Amino acid sequence: MGIRALTNAQKKELARHLGSKQTQTKWNSYFSRCRFTADTLVANVYSLAAGGYVQAFGYGRNQDMAAAGLPGVRATPADTNILTANQTIAGEMVLIEGVSIIMLAQSDANFAKRLDQAVSVKIKTNGTTEYLLGIPSMVPGCGGLFGSSEAWSVVPSISDALSRSVGALSNGIPHSSNFMPLPEPMLWSSAGKGDSTFNVELKVEYPVATIAQFGSAARLAIADYQQAYTPPTAAQTFVDYMIVLVGCTVNPLSTY
């Protein structure tokens, strides 16, 4: 797609930003991790109240990840590529052609299945303009693992110490580089320009609760018969998403 896919209005905005300079586009990967964590564990049910939200691209590297649901954690290059919250790197413009959501492997599969249909996903620019994308499973993953996963929150059989597998854990087939193409590409401008503040917000719209029969209180080991099991705390039961923007950067052509 590239610059050719821009609307006339977007091309004018690009021209205002770069002037008469020749431009070049380069592949780049903008990504940001965020997390939903269960609020409570009562009677074997992990719950999360409605109303909470997290923001991808709401923090930069070496900054606190509170905006992404991880207060007290300082971001590294494994969490995001940006340096300043909601801003592009080094004043570059980013042409966004699509969005992808990868559910990371350390997520609890049981909690993830109940969370998916309760969470809305939206792009927000300048803090006010919103573009609704649906729920996480409507935004295919461009990578990640495929198939089933263990779920610590699900009680295993008496002969096992860990639940063997719960459900499918991928939006589409990862190796096919899936993503949600935007009907019209978006420009994420540099600081001080129009549409320079950008994030992807995920919000819990409905209360989330796991199925009680999947859980169990702690149990002791019985030799040659039963494995011990200690259920995770609410704080240990979470879903991590990696939000990836598919597109390229647009910069002035270098001269020597």
C-alpha atoms as a PDB file:
ATOM      1  CA  MET A   1       0.000   0.000   0.000  1.00  0.00           C
ATOM      2  CA  GLY A   2       2.396   2.720   1.227  1.00  0.00           C
ATOM      3  CA  ILE A   3       1.971   6.408   0.393  1.00  0.00           C
ATOM      4  CA  ARG A   4      -0.096   5.594  -2.689  1.00  0.00           C
ATOM      5  CA  ALA A   5      -2.941   4.491  -0.406  1.00  0.00           C
ATOM      6  CA  LEU A   6      -3.223   7.889   1.308  1.00  0.00           C
ATOM      7  CA  THR A   7      -6.231  10.099   0.744  1.00  0.00           C
ATOM      8  CA  ASN A   8      -5.742  13.567  -0.738  1.00  0.00           C
ATOM      9  CA  ALA A   9      -6.266  15.115   2.713  1.00  0.00           C
ATOM     10  CA  GLN A  10      -3.570  12.859   4.188  1.00  0.00           C
ATOM     11  CA  LYS A  11      -1.163  13.695   1.354  1.00  0.00           C
ATOM     12  CA  LYS A  12      -1.681  17.394   2.077  1.00  0.00           C
ATOM     13  CA  GLU A  13      -0.983  16.804   5.765  1.00  0.00           C
ATOM     14  CA  LEU A  14       2.178  14.937   4.827  1.00  0.00           C
ATOM     15  CA  ALA A  15       3.244  17.792   2.561  1.00  0.00           C
ATOM     16  CA  ARG A  16       2.667  20.341   5.341  1.00  0.00           C
ATOM     17  CA  HIS A  17       4.869  18.292   7.645  1.00  0.00           C
ATOM     18  CA  LEU A  18       7.698  17.552   5.225  1.00  0.00           C
ATOM     19  CA  GLY A  19       7.448  20.557   2.900  1.00  0.00           C
ATOM     20  CA  SER A  20       8.815  20.062  -0.596  1.00  0.00           C
ATOM     21  CA  LYS A  21      11.406  17.511   0.499  1.00  0.00           C
ATOM     22  CA  GLN A  22      11.556  14.144  -1.211  1.00  0.00           C
ATOM     23  CA  THR A  23      10.379  11.347   1.046  1.00  0.00           C
ATOM     24  CA  GLN A  24      11.318   7.776   1.734  1.00  0.00           C
ATOM     25  CA  THR A  25       9.329   5.044   3.449  1.00  0.00           C
ATOM     26  CA  LYS A  26      10.882   2.371   5.617  1.00  0.00           C
ATOM     27  CA  TRP A  27       9.472  -0.673   7.307  1.00  0.00           C
ATOM     28  CA  ASN A  28       9.158  -0.185  11.041  1.00  0.00           C
ATOM     29  CA  SER A  29       7.475  -2.022  13.887  1.00  0.00           C
ATOM     30  CA  TYR A  30       5.648  -0.030  16.531  1.00  0.00           C
ATOM     31  CA  PHE A  31       4.524  -2.269  19.377  1.00  0.00           C
ATOM     32  CA  SER A  32       3.337  -1.978  22.976  1.00  0.00           C
ATOM     33  CA  ARG A  33       2.412  -4.519  25.683  1.00  0.00           C
ATOM     34  CA  CYS A  34      -0.509  -4.203  28.099  1.00  0.00           C
ATOM     35  CA  ARG A  35      -2.131  -6.410  30.747  1.00  0.00           C
ATOM     36  CA  PHE A  36      -5.488  -7.203  32.372  1.00  0.00           C
ATOM     37  CA  THR A  37      -5.234  -8.807  35.826  1.00  0.00           C
ATOM     38  CA  ALA A  38      -8.031 -10.413  37.835  1.00  0.00           C
ATOM     39  CA  ASP A  39      -9.350  -8.270  40.718  1.00  0.00           C
ATOM     40  CA  THR A  40     -10.525 -10.984  43.068  1.00  0.00           C
ATOM     41  CA  LEU A  41     -10.575 -14.719  43.723  1.00  0.00           C
ATOM     42  CA  VAL A  42     -13.693 -15.835  45.601  1.00  0.00           C
ATOM     43  CA  ALA A  43     -15.086 -19.386  45.726  1.00  0.00           C
ATOM     44  CA  ASN A  44     -12.764 -20.550  42.927  1.00  0.00           C
ATOM     45  CA  VAL A  45     -13.908 -17.741  40.619  1.00  0.00           C
ATOM     46  CA  TYR A  46     -11.465 -15.182  39.209  1.00  0.00           C
ATOM     47  CA  SER A  47     -13.233 -11.884  38.529  1.00  0.00           C
ATOM     48  CA  LEU A  48     -12.517  -8.537  36.927  1.00  0.00           C
ATOM     49  CA  ALA A  49     -14.888  -5.586  37.318  1.00  0.00           C
ATOM     50  CA  ALA A  50     -16.179  -3.607  34.364  1.00  0.00           C
ATOM     51  CA  GLY A  51     -14.921  -0.112  33.655  1.00  0.00           C
ATOM     52  CA  GLY A  52     -11.152  -0.549  33.826  1.00  0.00           C
ATOM     53  CA  TYR A  53      -8.990   0.098  30.795  1.00  0.00           C
ATOM     54  CA  VAL A  54      -5.374  -0.081  29.642  1.00  0.00           C
ATOM     55  CA  GLN A  55      -3.569   1.874  26.965  1.00  0.00           C
ATOM     56  CA  ALA A  56      -1.002   0.544  24.560  1.00  0.00           C
ATOM     57  CA  PHE A  57       1.551   3.204  23.575  1.00  0.00           C
ATOM     58  CA  GLY A  58       0.729   5.022  26.833  1.00  0.00           C
ATOM     59  CA  TYR A  59       4.320   4.677  28.076  1.00  0.00           C
ATOM     60  CA  GLY A  60       7.836   4.750  26.662  1.00  0.00           C
ATOM     61  CA  ARG A  61      10.924   2.658  27.282  1.00  0.00           C
ATOM     62  CA  ASN A  62      12.301   2.969  30.815  1.00  0.00           C
ATOM     63  CA  GLN A  63       9.000   4.507  31.959  1.00  0.00           C
ATOM     64  CA  ASP A  64       6.446   3.077  34.387  1.00  0.00           C
ATOM     65  CA  MET A  65       3.877   0.870  32.653  1.00  0.00           C
ATOM     66  CA  ALA A  66       0.934   1.868  34.872  1.00  0.00           C
ATOM     67  CA  ALA A  67      -1.067   3.055  31.845  1.00  0.00           C
ATOM     68  CA  ALA A  68      -0.786  -0.457  30.436  1.00  0.00           C
ATOM     69  CA  GLY A  69      -1.964  -2.209  33.610  1.00  0.00           C
ATOM     70  CA  LEU A  70       1.519  -2.905  34.994  1.00  0.00           C
ATOM     71  CA  PRO A  71       2.179  -0.304  37.712  1.00  0.00           C
ATOM     72  CA  GLY A  72       5.698  -0.409  39.120  1.00  0.00           C
ATOM     73  CA  VAL A  73       7.138  -2.171  36.043  1.00  0.00           C
ATOM     74  CA  ARG A  74       9.617  -0.203  33.946  1.00  0.00           C
ATOM     75  CA  ALA A  75       9.336  -0.774  30.229  1.00  0.00           C
ATOM     76  CA  THR A  76      12.115  -2.407  28.231  1.00  0.00           C
ATOM     77  CA  PRO A  77      12.567  -3.050  24.491  1.00  0.00           C
ATOM     78  CA  ALA A  78      10.626  -6.288  25.089  1.00  0.00           C
ATOM     79  CA  ASP A  79       7.577  -4.171  25.958  1.00  0.00           C
ATOM     80  CA  THR A  80       7.611  -1.283  23.463  1.00  0.00           C
ATOM     81  CA  ASN A  81       9.781   0.461  20.909  1.00  0.00           C
ATOM     82  CA  ILE A  82       8.674   4.050  21.618  1.00  0.00           C
ATOM     83  CA  LEU A  83      10.629   6.414  23.871  1.00  0.00           C
ATOM     84  CA  THR A  84       7.896   8.874  24.877  1.00  0.00           C
ATOM     85  CA  ALA A  85       4.297   8.016  25.724  1.00  0.00           C
ATOM     86  CA  ASN A  86       1.910   8.398  22.780  1.00  0.00           C
ATOM     87  CA  GLN A  87       4.609   9.901  20.533  1.00  0.00           C
ATOM     88  CA  THR A  88       6.514   8.632  17.506  1.00  0.00           C
ATOM     89  CA  ILE A  89      10.272   8.094  17.629  1.00  0.00           C
ATOM     90  CA  ALA A  90      12.580  10.990  16.743  1.00  0.00           C
ATOM     91  CA  GLY A  91       9.806  13.055  15.191  1.00  0.00           C
ATOM     92  CA  GLU A  92       9.091  10.636  12.369  1.00  0.00           C
ATOM     93  CA  MET A  93       5.678  10.199  10.796  1.00  0.00           C
ATOM     94  CA  VAL A  94       4.136   6.732  10.839  1.00  0.00           C
ATOM     95  CA  LEU A  95       1.787   5.503   8.137  1.00  0.00           C
ATOM     96  CA  ILE A  96      -0.467   2.928   9.831  1.00  0.00           C
ATOM     97  CA  GLU A  97      -2.005   0.448   7.422  1.00  0.00           C
ATOM     98  CA  GLY A  98      -3.304  -2.048   9.981  1.00  0.00           C
ATOM     99  CA  VAL A  99      -3.418  -3.196  13.600  1.00  0.00           C
ATOM    100  CA  SER A 100      -2.606  -6.572  15.136  1.00  0.00           C
ATOM    101  CA  ILE A 101      -3.118  -7.986  18.626  1.00  0.00           C
ATOM    102  CA  ILE A 102      -1.014 -10.893  19.883  1.00  0.00           C
ATOM    103  CA  MET A 103      -2.052 -12.629  23.097  1.00  0.00           C
ATOM    104  CA  LEU A 104       1.229 -13.488  24.784  1.00  0.00           C
ATOM    105  CA  ALA A 105       2.050 -16.998  25.892  1.00  0.00           C
ATOM    106  CA  GLN A 106       2.226 -16.346  29.645  1.00  0.00           C
ATOM    107  CA  SER A 107      -1.470 -15.391  29.679  1.00  0.00           C
ATOM    108  CA  ASP A 108      -3.858 -17.631  31.612  1.00  0.00           C
ATOM    109  CA  ALA A 109      -5.902 -19.391  28.926  1.00  0.00           C
ATOM    110  CA  ASN A 110      -8.959 -19.869  31.134  1.00  0.00           C
ATOM    111  CA  PHE A 111      -9.123 -16.189  32.101  1.00  0.00           C
ATOM    112  CA  ALA A 112      -8.405 -15.126  28.506  1.00  0.00           C
ATOM    113  CA  LYS A 113     -11.406 -17.010  27.121  1.00  0.00           C
ATOM    114  CA  ARG A 114     -13.776 -15.250  29.530  1.00  0.00           C
ATOM    115  CA  LEU A 115     -12.126 -11.852  29.003  1.00  0.00           C
ATOM    116  CA  ASP A 116     -12.189 -11.728  25.207  1.00  0.00           C
ATOM    117  CA  GLN A 117     -15.853 -10.954  24.583  1.00  0.00           C
ATOM    118  CA  ALA A 118     -15.976  -8.407  27.436  1.00  0.00           C
ATOM    119  CA  VAL A 119     -13.208  -6.106  26.154  1.00  0.00           C
ATOM    120  CA  SER A 120     -13.576  -3.364  23.562  1.00  0.00           C
ATOM    121  CA  VAL A 121     -10.664  -2.180  21.431  1.00  0.00           C
ATOM    122  CA  LYS A 122     -10.368   1.334  20.040  1.00  0.00           C
ATOM    123  CA  ILE A 123      -7.791   3.604  18.465  1.00  0.00           C
ATOM    124  CA  LYS A 124      -7.642   7.051  20.083  1.00  0.00           C
ATOM    125  CA  THR A 125      -5.955  10.055  18.511  1.00  0.00           C
ATOM    126  CA  ASN A 126      -5.365  13.355  20.299  1.00  0.00           C
ATOM    127  CA  GLY A 127      -7.133  11.894  23.337  1.00  0.00           C
ATOM    128  CA  THR A 128     -10.615  12.433  21.921  1.00  0.00           C
ATOM    129  CA  THR A 129     -11.145  10.951  18.453  1.00  0.00           C
ATOM    130  CA  GLU A 130     -12.049   7.260  18.630  1.00  0.00           C
ATOM    131  CA  TYR A 131     -12.098   4.451  16.064  1.00  0.00           C
ATOM    132  CA  LEU A 132     -13.808   1.286  17.320  1.00  0.00           C
ATOM    133  CA  LEU A 133     -12.174  -2.007  16.287  1.00  0.00           C
ATOM    134  CA  GLY A 134     -14.448  -4.470  18.130  1.00  0.00           C
ATOM    135  CA  ILE A 135     -13.048  -7.032  20.594  1.00  0.00           C
ATOM    136  CA  PRO A 136      -9.526  -8.539  20.751  1.00  0.00           C
ATOM    137  CA  SER A 137     -10.353 -11.675  18.768  1.00  0.00           C
ATOM    138  CA  MET A 138     -11.592  -9.484  15.897  1.00  0.00           C
ATOM    139  CA  VAL A 139      -8.074  -8.063  15.505  1.00  0.00           C
ATOM    140  CA  PRO A 140      -5.908 -10.920  14.152  1.00  0.00           C
ATOM    141  CA  GLY A 141      -2.450 -11.630  15.519  1.00  0.00           C
ATOM    142  CA  CYS A 142       0.564 -11.182  13.236  1.00  0.00           C
ATOM    143  CA  GLY A 143       2.616 -13.564  15.366  1.00  0.00           C
ATOM    144  CA  GLY A 144       2.537 -15.541  18.592  1.00  0.00           C
ATOM    145  CA  LEU A 145       1.926 -19.148  19.493  1.00  0.00           C
ATOM    146  CA  PHE A 146      -0.804 -21.343  18.085  1.00  0.00           C
ATOM    147  CA  GLY A 147      -3.012 -24.010  19.638  1.00  0.00           C
ATOM    148  CA  SER A 148      -3.633 -24.759  23.303  1.00  0.00           C
ATOM    149  CA  SER A 149      -2.046 -23.696  26.557  1.00  0.00           C
ATOM    150  CA  GLU A 150      -1.885 -24.659  30.210  1.00  0.00           C
ATOM    151  CA  ALA A 151      -4.070 -22.682  32.602  1.00  0.00           C
ATOM    152  CA  TRP A 152      -2.878 -22.498  36.197  1.00  0.00           C
ATOM    153  CA  SER A 153      -6.351 -21.309  37.265  1.00  0.00           C
ATOM    154  CA  VAL A 154      -7.951 -24.585  36.124  1.00  0.00           C
ATOM    155  CA  VAL A 155      -7.723 -27.430  38.626  1.00  0.00           C
ATOM    156  CA  PRO A 156      -5.811 -30.408  37.167  1.00  0.00           C
ATOM    157  CA  SER A 157      -6.797 -34.043  37.537  1.00  0.00           C
ATOM    158  CA  ILE A 158      -5.697 -35.639  40.804  1.00  0.00           C
ATOM    159  CA  SER A 159      -2.717 -37.286  39.121  1.00  0.00           C
ATOM    160  CA  ASP A 160      -1.412 -34.011  37.657  1.00  0.00           C
ATOM    161  CA  ALA A 161       0.072 -30.874  39.162  1.00  0.00           C
ATOM    162  CA  LEU A 162      -0.992 -28.589  36.292  1.00  0.00           C
ATOM    163  CA  SER A 163      -3.981 -28.404  33.978  1.00  0.00           C
ATOM    164  CA  ARG A 164      -2.946 -29.876  30.637  1.00  0.00           C
ATOM    165  CA  SER A 165      -4.567 -27.578  28.074  1.00  0.00           C
ATOM    166  CA  VAL A 166      -7.385 -25.105  27.642  1.00  0.00           C
ATOM    167  CA  GLY A 167      -8.711 -24.004  24.290  1.00  0.00           C
ATOM    168  CA  ALA A 168      -7.138 -22.256  21.326  1.00  0.00           C
ATOM    169  CA  LEU A 169      -4.867 -19.279  21.927  1.00  0.00           C
ATOM    170  CA  SER A 170      -4.402 -17.441  18.654  1.00  0.00           C
ATOM    171  CA  ASN A 171      -6.326 -14.922  16.553  1.00  0.00           C
ATOM    172  CA  GLY A 172      -5.778 -16.570  13.187  1.00  0.00           C
ATOM    173  CA  ILE A 173      -2.699 -18.468  12.072  1.00  0.00           C
ATOM    174  CA  PRO A 174       0.429 -16.673  13.350  1.00  0.00           C
ATOM    175  CA  HIS A 175       2.776 -17.573  10.511  1.00  0.00           C
ATOM    176  CA  SER A 176       0.421 -15.993   7.962  1.00  0.00           C
ATOM    177  CA  SER A 177       1.210 -12.484   9.323  1.00  0.00           C
ATOM    178  CA  ASN A 178      -2.432 -11.715  10.001  1.00  0.00           C
ATOM    179  CA  PHE A 179      -3.599  -8.231  10.906  1.00  0.00           C
ATOM    180  CA  MET A 180      -6.699  -6.029  10.644  1.00  0.00           C
ATOM    181  CA  PRO A 181      -6.215  -3.757   7.612  1.00  0.00           C
ATOM    182  CA  LEU A 182      -7.612  -0.267   8.096  1.00  0.00           C
ATOM    183  CA  PRO A 183     -10.076   0.755   5.360  1.00  0.00           C
ATOM    184  CA  GLU A 184      -8.139   4.014   5.139  1.00  0.00           C
ATOM    185  CA  PRO A 185      -4.519   4.293   6.353  1.00  0.00           C
ATOM    186  CA  MET A 186      -3.862   6.632   9.280  1.00  0.00           C
ATOM    187  CA  LEU A 187      -0.995   9.077   9.800  1.00  0.00           C
ATOM    188  CA  TRP A 188       0.577   9.277  13.252  1.00  0.00           C
ATOM    189  CA  SER A 189       2.336  12.628  13.121  1.00  0.00           C
ATOM    190  CA  SER A 190       5.298  13.909  15.100  1.00  0.00           C
ATOM    191  CA  ALA A 191       4.827  15.960  18.279  1.00  0.00           C
ATOM    192  CA  GLY A 192       3.197  19.342  17.742  1.00  0.00           C
ATOM    193  CA  LYS A 193       1.398  18.337  14.553  1.00  0.00           C
ATOM    194  CA  GLY A 194      -2.190  17.212  14.050  1.00  0.00           C
ATOM    195  CA  ASP A 195      -2.889  13.605  15.116  1.00  0.00           C
ATOM    196  CA  SER A 196       0.414  13.440  17.003  1.00  0.00           C
ATOM    197  CA  THR A 197      -0.995  11.727  20.113  1.00  0.00           C
ATOM    198  CA  PHE A 198      -1.896   8.098  19.491  1.00  0.00           C
ATOM    199  CA  ASN A 199      -2.822   5.049  21.571  1.00  0.00           C
ATOM    200  CA  VAL A 200      -4.851   1.867  21.437  1.00  0.00           C
ATOM    201  CA  GLU A 201      -7.242   1.537  24.379  1.00  0.00           C
ATOM    202  CA  LEU A 202      -8.673  -1.751  25.630  1.00  0.00           C
ATOM    203  CA  LYS A 203     -11.573  -1.391  28.081  1.00  0.00           C
ATOM    204  CA  VAL A 204     -13.490  -3.945  30.152  1.00  0.00           C
ATOM    205  CA  GLU A 205     -17.116  -3.312  29.172  1.00  0.00           C
ATOM    206  CA  TYR A 206     -18.708  -6.191  31.108  1.00  0.00           C
ATOM    207  CA  PRO A 207     -17.785  -7.922  34.385  1.00  0.00           C
ATOM    208  CA  VAL A 208     -15.550 -10.948  33.790  1.00  0.00           C
ATOM    209  CA  ALA A 209     -15.747 -14.167  35.834  1.00  0.00           C
ATOM    210  CA  THR A 210     -14.264 -17.610  35.252  1.00  0.00           C
ATOM    211  CA  ILE A 211     -16.413 -20.726  35.657  1.00  0.00           C
ATOM    212  CA  ALA A 212     -16.437 -21.909  39.280  1.00  0.00           C
ATOM    213  CA  GLN A 213     -16.303 -25.599  38.355  1.00  0.00           C
ATOM    214  CA  PHE A 214     -12.970 -25.045  36.615  1.00  0.00           C
ATOM    215  CA  GLY A 215     -11.326 -24.018  39.863  1.00  0.00           C
ATOM    216  CA  SER A 216     -10.574 -25.650  43.187  1.00  0.00           C
ATOM    217  CA  ALA A 217      -9.300 -24.838  46.631  1.00  0.00           C
ATOM    218  CA  ALA A 218      -5.747 -25.876  47.484  1.00  0.00           C
ATOM    219  CA  ARG A 219      -5.195 -29.614  47.960  1.00  0.00           C
ATOM    220  CA  LEU A 220      -2.430 -31.606  49.578  1.00  0.00           C
ATOM    221  CA  ALA A 221      -0.420 -34.338  47.927  1.00  0.00           C
ATOM    222  CA  ILE A 222      -1.275 -37.957  48.706  1.00  0.00           C
ATOM    223  CA  ALA A 223       1.537 -40.381  47.957  1.00  0.00           C
ATOM    224  CA  ASP A 224       0.990 -42.561  44.881  1.00  0.00           C
ATOM    225  CA  TYR A 225      -2.427 -41.030  44.371  1.00  0.00           C
ATOM    226  CA  GLN A 226      -2.803 -37.235  44.304  1.00  0.00           C
ATOM    227  CA  GLN A 227      -0.611 -34.324  43.281  1.00  0.00           C
ATOM    228  CA  ALA A 228      -0.647 -31.163  45.387  1.00  0.00           C
ATOM    229  CA  TYR A 229      -2.306 -28.095  43.866  1.00  0.00           C
ATOM    230  CA  THR A 230      -2.227 -24.467  44.959  1.00  0.00           C
ATOM    231  CA  PRO A 231      -4.441 -22.153  42.913  1.00  0.00           C
ATOM    232  CA  PRO A 232      -2.855 -18.899  41.735  1.00  0.00           C
ATOM    233  CA  THR A 233      -3.809 -15.652  43.408  1.00  0.00           C
ATOM    234  CA  ALA A 234      -5.871 -13.064  41.555  1.00  0.00           C
ATOM    235  CA  ALA A 235      -2.692 -11.042  40.969  1.00  0.00           C
ATOM    236  CA  GLN A 236      -1.088 -14.079  39.295  1.00  0.00           C
ATOM    237  CA  THR A 237      -4.002 -14.519  36.874  1.00  0.00           C
ATOM    238  CA  PHE A 238      -3.744 -12.188  33.900  1.00  0.00           C
ATOM    239  CA  VAL A 239      -3.803 -11.776  30.134  1.00  0.00           C
ATOM    240  CA  ASP A 240      -1.026  -9.962  28.277  1.00  0.00           C
ATOM    241  CA  TYR A 241      -1.623  -8.421  24.870  1.00  0.00           C
ATOM    242  CA  MET A 242       0.996  -7.086  22.472  1.00  0.00           C
ATOM    243  CA  ILE A 243      -0.431  -4.409  20.181  1.00  0.00           C
ATOM    244  CA  VAL A 244       1.437  -4.127  16.872  1.00  0.00           C
ATOM    245  CA  LEU A 245       0.991  -1.436  14.234  1.00  0.00           C
ATOM    246  CA  VAL A 246       1.504  -2.584  10.649  1.00  0.00           C
ATOM    247  CA  GLY A 247       2.875   0.044   8.294  1.00  0.00           C
ATOM    248  CA  CYS A 248       5.942   2.145   7.641  1.00  0.00           C
ATOM    249  CA  THR A 249       7.644   5.380   8.606  1.00  0.00           C
ATOM    250  CA  VAL A 250       7.727   8.370   6.276  1.00  0.00           C
ATOM    251  CA  ASN A 251      10.786  10.627   6.477  1.00  0.00           C
ATOM    252  CA  PRO A 252      12.671  13.125   4.330  1.00  0.00           C
ATOM    253  CA  LEU A 253      15.075  11.478   1.888  1.00  0.00           C
ATOM    254  CA  SER A 254      18.618  11.687   3.217  1.00  0.00           C
ATOM    255  CA  THR A 255      21.141  13.681   1.217  1.00  0.00           C
ATOM    256  CA  TYR A 256      24.925  13.436   1.334  1.00  0.00           C
END
